[in-house]
Amino acid sequence: MPDARVREILGRSGSGCASVENCNALGRIDALRASRARVRFLSVEPLLEDLGALDLRGIHWVIVGGQSGPHFRPVGTRLVTVG
């Protein structure tokens, strides 16, 4: 979905969420940040690879985890740091 369309959809709601599971989806964070949503949260699940240092300015809440189900992919704790 183009970033402008994401911003339009998120701007109509009180909260907004973007899902980022790998480096190819990092642009969704900027689209979320640019939205007019009052609460912006980021779902990083399943975390499939090292995303590097993320700019979380303007993001209120982040959920990080692995995948569940019969063919789950766990998140490695080496991928998650706070600081």
C-alpha atoms as a PDB file:
ATOM      1  CA  MET A   1       0.000   0.000   0.000  1.00  0.00           C
ATOM      2  CA  PRO A   2       1.522   3.381  -0.924  1.00  0.00           C
ATOM      3  CA  ASP A   3       2.638   5.563   2.009  1.00  0.00           C
ATOM      4  CA  ALA A   4       0.125   8.329   1.144  1.00  0.00           C
ATOM      5  CA  ARG A   5      -2.755   5.829   1.344  1.00  0.00           C
ATOM      6  CA  VAL A   6      -1.479   4.537   4.699  1.00  0.00           C
ATOM      7  CA  ARG A   7      -1.353   8.106   6.060  1.00  0.00           C
ATOM      8  CA  GLU A   8      -4.890   8.760   4.783  1.00  0.00           C
ATOM      9  CA  ILE A   9      -6.303   5.648   6.467  1.00  0.00           C
ATOM     10  CA  LEU A  10      -4.449   6.242   9.741  1.00  0.00           C
ATOM     11  CA  GLY A  11      -5.467   9.900   9.805  1.00  0.00           C
ATOM     12  CA  ARG A  12      -9.135   8.924  10.001  1.00  0.00           C
ATOM     13  CA  SER A  13      -8.700   6.824  13.122  1.00  0.00           C
ATOM     14  CA  GLY A  14      -7.827   7.622  16.708  1.00  0.00           C
ATOM     15  CA  SER A  15      -4.983   5.134  16.655  1.00  0.00           C
ATOM     16  CA  GLY A  16      -2.690   3.765  14.030  1.00  0.00           C
ATOM     17  CA  CYS A  17      -0.568   0.666  13.704  1.00  0.00           C
ATOM     18  CA  ALA A  18       2.107  -0.443  11.295  1.00  0.00           C
ATOM     19  CA  SER A  19       3.539  -3.943  11.037  1.00  0.00           C
ATOM     20  CA  VAL A  20       7.259  -4.262  10.428  1.00  0.00           C
ATOM     21  CA  GLU A  21       8.663  -7.767  10.184  1.00  0.00           C
ATOM     22  CA  ASN A  22      11.825  -7.172   8.160  1.00  0.00           C
ATOM     23  CA  CYS A  23      13.957  -4.421   6.634  1.00  0.00           C
ATOM     24  CA  ASN A  24      11.762  -4.234   3.520  1.00  0.00           C
ATOM     25  CA  ALA A  25       8.945  -2.811   5.662  1.00  0.00           C
ATOM     26  CA  LEU A  26      10.855  -0.061   7.483  1.00  0.00           C
ATOM     27  CA  GLY A  27       9.165   2.668   5.386  1.00  0.00           C
ATOM     28  CA  ARG A  28       5.925   1.881   7.209  1.00  0.00           C
ATOM     29  CA  ILE A  29       7.364   3.513  10.341  1.00  0.00           C
ATOM     30  CA  ASP A  30       7.684   6.873   8.556  1.00  0.00           C
ATOM     31  CA  ALA A  31       4.132   6.535   7.203  1.00  0.00           C
ATOM     32  CA  LEU A  32       2.864   5.806  10.706  1.00  0.00           C
ATOM     33  CA  ARG A  33       4.801   8.729  12.176  1.00  0.00           C
ATOM     34  CA  ALA A  34       3.389  11.066   9.507  1.00  0.00           C
ATOM     35  CA  SER A  35      -0.200  10.042  10.254  1.00  0.00           C
ATOM     36  CA  ARG A  36      -2.562  12.197  12.306  1.00  0.00           C
ATOM     37  CA  ALA A  37      -3.424   9.269  14.575  1.00  0.00           C
ATOM     38  CA  ARG A  38      -3.478  10.268  18.254  1.00  0.00           C
ATOM     39  CA  VAL A  39      -1.838   6.983  19.302  1.00  0.00           C
ATOM     40  CA  ARG A  40       0.722   5.333  17.029  1.00  0.00           C
ATOM     41  CA  PHE A  41       1.890   1.806  17.700  1.00  0.00           C
ATOM     42  CA  LEU A  42       4.264  -0.464  15.905  1.00  0.00           C
ATOM     43  CA  SER A  43       3.936  -4.230  15.702  1.00  0.00           C
ATOM     44  CA  VAL A  44       7.288  -5.883  15.124  1.00  0.00           C
ATOM     45  CA  GLU A  45       6.081  -9.459  15.035  1.00  0.00           C
ATOM     46  CA  PRO A  46       7.283 -11.744  13.893  1.00  0.00           C
ATOM     47  CA  LEU A  47      10.688 -10.123  14.127  1.00  0.00           C
ATOM     48  CA  LEU A  48      12.511 -12.020  11.388  1.00  0.00           C
ATOM     49  CA  GLU A  49      15.832 -10.195  11.131  1.00  0.00           C
ATOM     50  CA  ASP A  50      17.970  -7.495  12.719  1.00  0.00           C
ATOM     51  CA  LEU A  51      16.315  -4.169  11.863  1.00  0.00           C
ATOM     52  CA  GLY A  52      19.190  -2.058  13.141  1.00  0.00           C
ATOM     53  CA  ALA A  53      18.573   1.033  15.261  1.00  0.00           C
ATOM     54  CA  LEU A  54      14.999   2.244  14.743  1.00  0.00           C
ATOM     55  CA  ASP A  55      13.940   5.874  14.980  1.00  0.00           C
ATOM     56  CA  LEU A  56      10.923   5.596  17.281  1.00  0.00           C
ATOM     57  CA  ARG A  57      10.298   9.322  17.732  1.00  0.00           C
ATOM     58  CA  GLY A  58       6.548   9.900  17.568  1.00  0.00           C
ATOM     59  CA  ILE A  59       5.769   6.211  18.139  1.00  0.00           C
ATOM     60  CA  HIS A  60       3.938   5.623  21.421  1.00  0.00           C
ATOM     61  CA  TRP A  61       4.005   1.864  21.740  1.00  0.00           C
ATOM     62  CA  VAL A  62       6.017  -1.031  20.267  1.00  0.00           C
ATOM     63  CA  ILE A  63       5.133  -4.730  20.400  1.00  0.00           C
ATOM     64  CA  VAL A  64       7.971  -7.167  19.625  1.00  0.00           C
ATOM     65  CA  GLY A  65       7.677 -10.925  19.382  1.00  0.00           C
ATOM     66  CA  GLY A  66       7.990 -14.131  17.466  1.00  0.00           C
ATOM     67  CA  GLN A  67       5.423 -16.101  15.571  1.00  0.00           C
ATOM     68  CA  SER A  68       3.022 -18.673  16.998  1.00  0.00           C
ATOM     69  CA  GLY A  69       1.335 -21.693  15.480  1.00  0.00           C
ATOM     70  CA  PRO A  70       2.445 -25.081  14.196  1.00  0.00           C
ATOM     71  CA  HIS A  71       5.307 -23.711  12.068  1.00  0.00           C
ATOM     72  CA  PHE A  72       6.274 -20.864  14.404  1.00  0.00           C
ATOM     73  CA  ARG A  73       9.424 -18.799  14.088  1.00  0.00           C
ATOM     74  CA  PRO A  74      10.676 -17.610  17.501  1.00  0.00           C
ATOM     75  CA  VAL A  75      12.330 -14.256  17.987  1.00  0.00           C
ATOM     76  CA  GLY A  76      15.951 -14.456  19.063  1.00  0.00           C
ATOM     77  CA  THR A  77      16.667 -12.369  22.149  1.00  0.00           C
ATOM     78  CA  ARG A  78      19.837 -11.110  20.418  1.00  0.00           C
ATOM     79  CA  LEU A  79      17.540  -9.153  18.069  1.00  0.00           C
ATOM     80  CA  VAL A  80      15.836  -7.201  20.861  1.00  0.00           C
ATOM     81  CA  THR A  81      17.648  -4.460  22.787  1.00  0.00           C
ATOM     82  CA  VAL A  82      16.383  -1.451  24.677  1.00  0.00           C
ATOM     83  CA  GLY A  83      18.460   1.642  24.954  1.00  0.00           C
END
